C-alpha atoms as a PDB file:
ATOM      1  CA  MET A   1      99.755 137.354  95.181  1.00  0.00           C
ATOM      2  CA  ALA A   2     101.255 140.621  97.244  1.00  0.00           C
ATOM      3  CA  ASP A   3     101.098 138.246 100.462  1.00  0.00           C
ATOM      4  CA  VAL A   4     103.068 135.507  98.961  1.00  0.00           C
ATOM      5  CA  PRO A   5     106.926 135.757  99.365  1.00  0.00           C
ATOM      6  CA  ARG A   6     108.952 136.219  96.070  1.00  0.00           C
ATOM      7  CA  SER A   7     111.271 133.096  97.083  1.00  0.00           C
ATOM      8  CA  LEU A   8     107.921 130.973  96.951  1.00  0.00           C
ATOM      9  CA  LEU A   9     106.681 132.296  93.634  1.00  0.00           C
ATOM     10  CA  SER A  10     110.133 131.769  91.872  1.00  0.00           C
ATOM     11  CA  SER A  11     110.594 128.196  93.339  1.00  0.00           C
ATOM     12  CA  ALA A  12     106.798 127.336  91.970  1.00  0.00           C
ATOM     13  CA  ASN A  13     107.306 128.606  89.038  1.00  0.00           C
ATOM     14  CA  ALA A  14     110.875 126.548  88.353  1.00  0.00           C
ATOM     15  CA  ARG A  15     109.002 123.601  89.829  1.00  0.00           C
ATOM     16  CA  ALA A  16     106.383 124.121  86.929  1.00  0.00           C
ATOM     17  CA  ALA A  17     108.804 124.903  84.439  1.00  0.00           C
ATOM     18  CA  ALA A  18     110.737 121.549  84.933  1.00  0.00           C
ATOM     19  CA  VAL A  19     107.540 119.479  84.566  1.00  0.00           C
ATOM     20  CA  PRO A  20     107.199 118.788  81.108  1.00  0.00           C
ATOM     21  CA  LYS A  21     103.396 119.453  79.583  1.00  0.00           C
ATOM     22  CA  GLY A  22     101.588 116.033  79.361  1.00  0.00           C
ATOM     23  CA  ARG A  23     103.432 114.579  82.363  1.00  0.00           C
ATOM     24  CA  TRP A  24     100.575 114.359  84.518  1.00  0.00           C
ATOM     25  CA  LEU A  25      98.933 111.770  82.171  1.00  0.00           C
ATOM     26  CA  LEU A  26     101.843 109.226  82.093  1.00  0.00           C
ATOM     27  CA  THR A  27     101.910 109.685  86.220  1.00  0.00           C
ATOM     28  CA  ALA A  28      98.097 108.932  86.103  1.00  0.00           C
ATOM     29  CA  LEU A  29      98.288 106.265  83.994  1.00  0.00           C
ATOM     30  CA  ARG A  30     101.408 104.701  86.258  1.00  0.00           C
ATOM     31  CA  TRP A  31      98.929 105.179  89.603  1.00  0.00           C
ATOM     32  CA  LEU A  32      95.793 103.588  87.638  1.00  0.00           C
ATOM     33  CA  PRO A  33      96.974 100.187  88.354  1.00  0.00           C
ATOM     34  CA  LEU A  34      97.004 101.019  92.130  1.00  0.00           C
ATOM     35  CA  GLY A  35      93.809 102.416  92.139  1.00  0.00           C
ATOM     36  CA  VAL A  36      92.182  99.556  90.126  1.00  0.00           C
ATOM     37  CA  VAL A  37      93.516  97.023  92.859  1.00  0.00           C
ATOM     38  CA  PHE A  38      92.890  98.961  95.592  1.00  0.00           C
ATOM     39  CA  CYS A  39      89.272  99.086  94.715  1.00  0.00           C
ATOM     40  CA  LEU A  40      88.974  95.278  94.105  1.00  0.00           C
ATOM     41  CA  THR A  41      90.594  94.551  97.193  1.00  0.00           C
ATOM     42  CA  SER A  42      88.797  96.775  99.129  1.00  0.00           C
ATOM     43  CA  PHE A  43      85.471  95.320  97.395  1.00  0.00           C
ATOM     44  CA  LEU A  44      86.716  91.864  98.354  1.00  0.00           C
ATOM     45  CA  ALA A  45      87.162  92.761 101.702  1.00  0.00           C
ATOM     46  CA  LEU A  46      84.163  94.548 102.342  1.00  0.00           C
ATOM     47  CA  ARG A  47      81.649  92.411 101.116  1.00  0.00           C
ATOM     48  CA  SER A  48      78.854  91.287 103.590  1.00  0.00           C
ATOM     49  CA  HIS A  49      79.457  87.377 102.511  1.00  0.00           C
ATOM     50  CA  PRO A  50      83.055  86.462 102.609  1.00  0.00           C
ATOM     51  CA  SER A  51      82.763  83.558 100.354  1.00  0.00           C
ATOM     52  CA  LEU A  52      83.965  84.009  96.486  1.00  0.00           C
ATOM     53  CA  GLN A  53      81.296  81.230  95.021  1.00  0.00           C
ATOM     54  CA  ASP A  54      78.694  84.297  94.426  1.00  0.00           C
ATOM     55  CA  LEU A  55      80.997  86.142  92.098  1.00  0.00           C
ATOM     56  CA  PRO A  56      80.227  84.497  88.402  1.00  0.00           C
ATOM     57  CA  GLN A  57      83.400  86.470  87.084  1.00  0.00           C
ATOM     58  CA  MET A  58      85.605  84.102  89.184  1.00  0.00           C
ATOM     59  CA  PRO A  59      87.066  80.619  87.453  1.00  0.00           C
ATOM     60  CA  ARG A  60      85.688  78.112  89.786  1.00  0.00           C
ATOM     61  CA  GLY A  61      89.385  76.661  90.123  1.00  0.00           C
ATOM     62  CA  ILE A  62      90.597  79.762  92.206  1.00  0.00           C
ATOM     63  CA  VAL A  63      87.443  80.215  94.176  1.00  0.00           C
ATOM     64  CA  ARG A  64      87.714  76.334  95.134  1.00  0.00           C
ATOM     65  CA  VAL A  65      90.903  77.116  96.544  1.00  0.00           C
ATOM     66  CA  LEU A  66      90.377  80.533  97.672  1.00  0.00           C
ATOM     67  CA  ASP A  67      87.432  79.918 100.012  1.00  0.00           C
ATOM     68  CA  THR A  68      89.065  77.146 101.864  1.00  0.00           C
ATOM     69  CA  SER A  69      91.313  79.825 103.621  1.00  0.00           C
ATOM     70  CA  ASP A  70      90.703  83.287 104.529  1.00  0.00           C
ATOM     71  CA  PHE A  71      94.141  83.177 105.536  1.00  0.00           C
ATOM     72  CA  LEU A  72      95.305  82.751 102.033  1.00  0.00           C
ATOM     73  CA  ASN A  73      93.022  85.188 100.542  1.00  0.00           C
ATOM     74  CA  ASN A  74      94.239  87.919 102.481  1.00  0.00           C
ATOM     75  CA  VAL A  75      98.081  87.073 102.104  1.00  0.00           C
ATOM     76  CA  ALA A  76      97.436  86.763  98.314  1.00  0.00           C
ATOM     77  CA  GLY A  77      94.959  90.083  98.209  1.00  0.00           C
ATOM     78  CA  PHE A  78      97.431  92.151 100.109  1.00  0.00           C
ATOM     79  CA  GLY A  79     100.354  90.951  98.391  1.00  0.00           C
ATOM     80  CA  VAL A  80      98.963  91.929  95.028  1.00  0.00           C
ATOM     81  CA  LEU A  81      98.123  95.146  96.515  1.00  0.00           C
ATOM     82  CA  ALA A  82     101.657  95.728  97.564  1.00  0.00           C
ATOM     83  CA  ALA A  83     103.321  94.692  94.386  1.00  0.00           C
ATOM     84  CA  THR A  84     101.317  97.237  92.717  1.00  0.00           C
ATOM     85  CA  LEU A  85     102.232  99.941  95.084  1.00  0.00           C
ATOM     86  CA  HIS A  86     106.043  98.950  94.749  1.00  0.00           C
ATOM     87  CA  LEU A  87     105.353  99.097  91.052  1.00  0.00           C
ATOM     88  CA  SER A  88     103.306 102.310  90.942  1.00  0.00           C
ATOM     89  CA  ALA A  89     106.056 104.215  92.933  1.00  0.00           C
ATOM     90  CA  ALA A  90     109.376 102.818  91.829  1.00  0.00           C
ATOM     91  CA  GLY A  91     108.700 100.743  88.694  1.00  0.00           C
ATOM     92  CA  PHE A  92     111.328  97.543  88.748  1.00  0.00           C
ATOM     93  CA  ALA A  93     113.999  99.252  90.543  1.00  0.00           C
ATOM     94  CA  ARG A  94     115.150  98.157  93.902  1.00  0.00           C
ATOM     95  CA  GLN A  95     114.588 100.720  96.493  1.00  0.00           C
ATOM     96  CA  THR A  96     116.281 101.045  99.950  1.00  0.00           C
ATOM     97  CA  TRP A  97     114.819  99.035 103.109  1.00  0.00           C
ATOM     98  CA  SER A  98     113.426 102.067 104.237  1.00  0.00           C
ATOM     99  CA  ARG A  99     111.040 102.864 101.287  1.00  0.00           C
ATOM    100  CA  VAL A 100     110.047  99.391 100.964  1.00  0.00           C
ATOM    101  CA  VAL A 101     109.213  98.830 104.825  1.00  0.00           C
ATOM    102  CA  ARG A 102     107.443 101.875 104.487  1.00  0.00           C
ATOM    103  CA  ARG A 103     105.380 100.955 102.014  1.00  0.00           C
ATOM    104  CA  ALA A 104     104.952  97.313 103.258  1.00  0.00           C
ATOM    105  CA  ALA A 105     103.617  99.172 106.464  1.00  0.00           C
ATOM    106  CA  LEU A 106     101.131 101.133 104.546  1.00  0.00           C
ATOM    107  CA  VAL A 107      99.735  98.293 103.117  1.00  0.00           C
ATOM    108  CA  GLY A 108      99.648  96.369 106.648  1.00  0.00           C
ATOM    109  CA  LEU A 109      97.720  99.787 107.544  1.00  0.00           C
ATOM    110  CA  VAL A 110      95.303  99.424 104.863  1.00  0.00           C
ATOM    111  CA  ALA A 111      94.686  96.021 105.865  1.00  0.00           C
ATOM    112  CA  ALA A 112      94.090  96.915 109.284  1.00  0.00           C
ATOM    113  CA  VAL A 113      91.458  99.659 108.500  1.00  0.00           C
ATOM    114  CA  LEU A 114      89.600  97.407 106.242  1.00  0.00           C
ATOM    115  CA  GLU A 115      89.550  94.762 108.850  1.00  0.00           C
ATOM    116  CA  CYS A 116      88.220  96.829 111.234  1.00  0.00           C
ATOM    117  CA  LEU A 117      85.214  98.554 108.700  1.00  0.00           C
ATOM    118  CA  GLN A 118      84.209  94.596 108.819  1.00  0.00           C
ATOM    119  CA  ILE A 119      82.516  95.392 112.234  1.00  0.00           C
ATOM    120  CA  TRP A 120      79.537  97.304 110.619  1.00  0.00           C
ATOM    121  CA  LEU A 121      78.844  93.839 108.129  1.00  0.00           C
ATOM    122  CA  PRO A 122      76.608  91.160 108.616  1.00  0.00           C
ATOM    123  CA  GLU A 123      78.428  87.873 108.655  1.00  0.00           C
ATOM    124  CA  ARG A 124      81.614  89.386 109.139  1.00  0.00           C
ATOM    125  CA  SER A 125      83.625  90.125 112.106  1.00  0.00           C
ATOM    126  CA  PRO A 126      87.361  91.542 112.299  1.00  0.00           C
ATOM    127  CA  ASP A 127      90.043  89.069 113.060  1.00  0.00           C
ATOM    128  CA  TRP A 128      93.852  90.049 113.979  1.00  0.00           C
ATOM    129  CA  ARG A 129      94.792  86.647 112.125  1.00  0.00           C
ATOM    130  CA  ASP A 130      93.461  88.398 108.734  1.00  0.00           C
ATOM    131  CA  VAL A 131      95.388  91.719 109.703  1.00  0.00           C
ATOM    132  CA  ALA A 132      98.864  89.698 110.199  1.00  0.00           C
ATOM    133  CA  ALA A 133      97.914  87.577 106.985  1.00  0.00           C
ATOM    134  CA  GLY A 134      97.740  91.086 104.851  1.00  0.00           C
ATOM    135  CA  LEU A 135     100.988  92.247 106.578  1.00  0.00           C
ATOM    136  CA  ILE A 136     102.721  88.896 105.620  1.00  0.00           C
ATOM    137  CA  GLY A 137     101.411  88.894 101.933  1.00  0.00           C
ATOM    138  CA  ALA A 138     103.150  92.543 101.756  1.00  0.00           C
ATOM    139  CA  MET A 139     106.277  91.671 103.290  1.00  0.00           C
ATOM    140  CA  ILE A 140     106.610  88.827 100.688  1.00  0.00           C
ATOM    141  CA  ALA A 141     105.715  90.919  97.990  1.00  0.00           C
ATOM    142  CA  SER A 142     108.135  93.184  98.881  1.00  0.00           C
ATOM    143  CA  VAL A 143     111.186  91.067  98.951  1.00  0.00           C
ATOM    144  CA  PRO A 144     111.918  91.833  95.401  1.00  0.00           C
ATOM    145  CA  TRP A 145     112.303  95.680  95.741  1.00  0.00           C
ATOM    146  CA  PHE A 146     114.888  95.119  98.385  1.00  0.00           C
ATOM    147  CA  ARG A 147     118.396  96.614  97.807  1.00  0.00           C
ATOM    148  CA  ASN A 148     121.386  95.681  99.630  1.00  0.00           C
ATOM    149  CA  GLY A 149     123.562  98.687 101.060  1.00  0.00           C
ATOM    150  CA  ARG A 150     122.728 101.836 103.221  1.00  0.00           C
ATOM    151  CA  ASP A 151     120.367 104.400 102.607  1.00  0.00           C
ATOM    152  CA  ALA A 152     121.170 106.992 100.493  1.00  0.00           C
END
């Protein structure tokens, strides 16, 4: 502790005193839905067989619609991921365009990484159209969080 400057110790103590006890639980609960949706999106993107018919938990009507178009799967899946990210980060508050665009770009990056990981899966191949569909879904889902005006 002797090597740490006194100014850093005092600022760390001030930050620790400013955070109420038990706040970590609220923060964890706020980000938990994002973790669940991310795991579900990753599971569906990295399955060795792209069809949803072998998932008995999925309602048959939804399976029929989603199995017709891989593009719709990606738009819907990454749109839900982006909406969950926005809800976890900002709640229902409108945000400046730079924050919203950064989050949408992060979801687009996740879509690109998951698509690239399909190289090692049998019966799957990466496609740039799927990455574009993921980014389109993220942008569509981001629209409700845009706030008019300049960044603060």
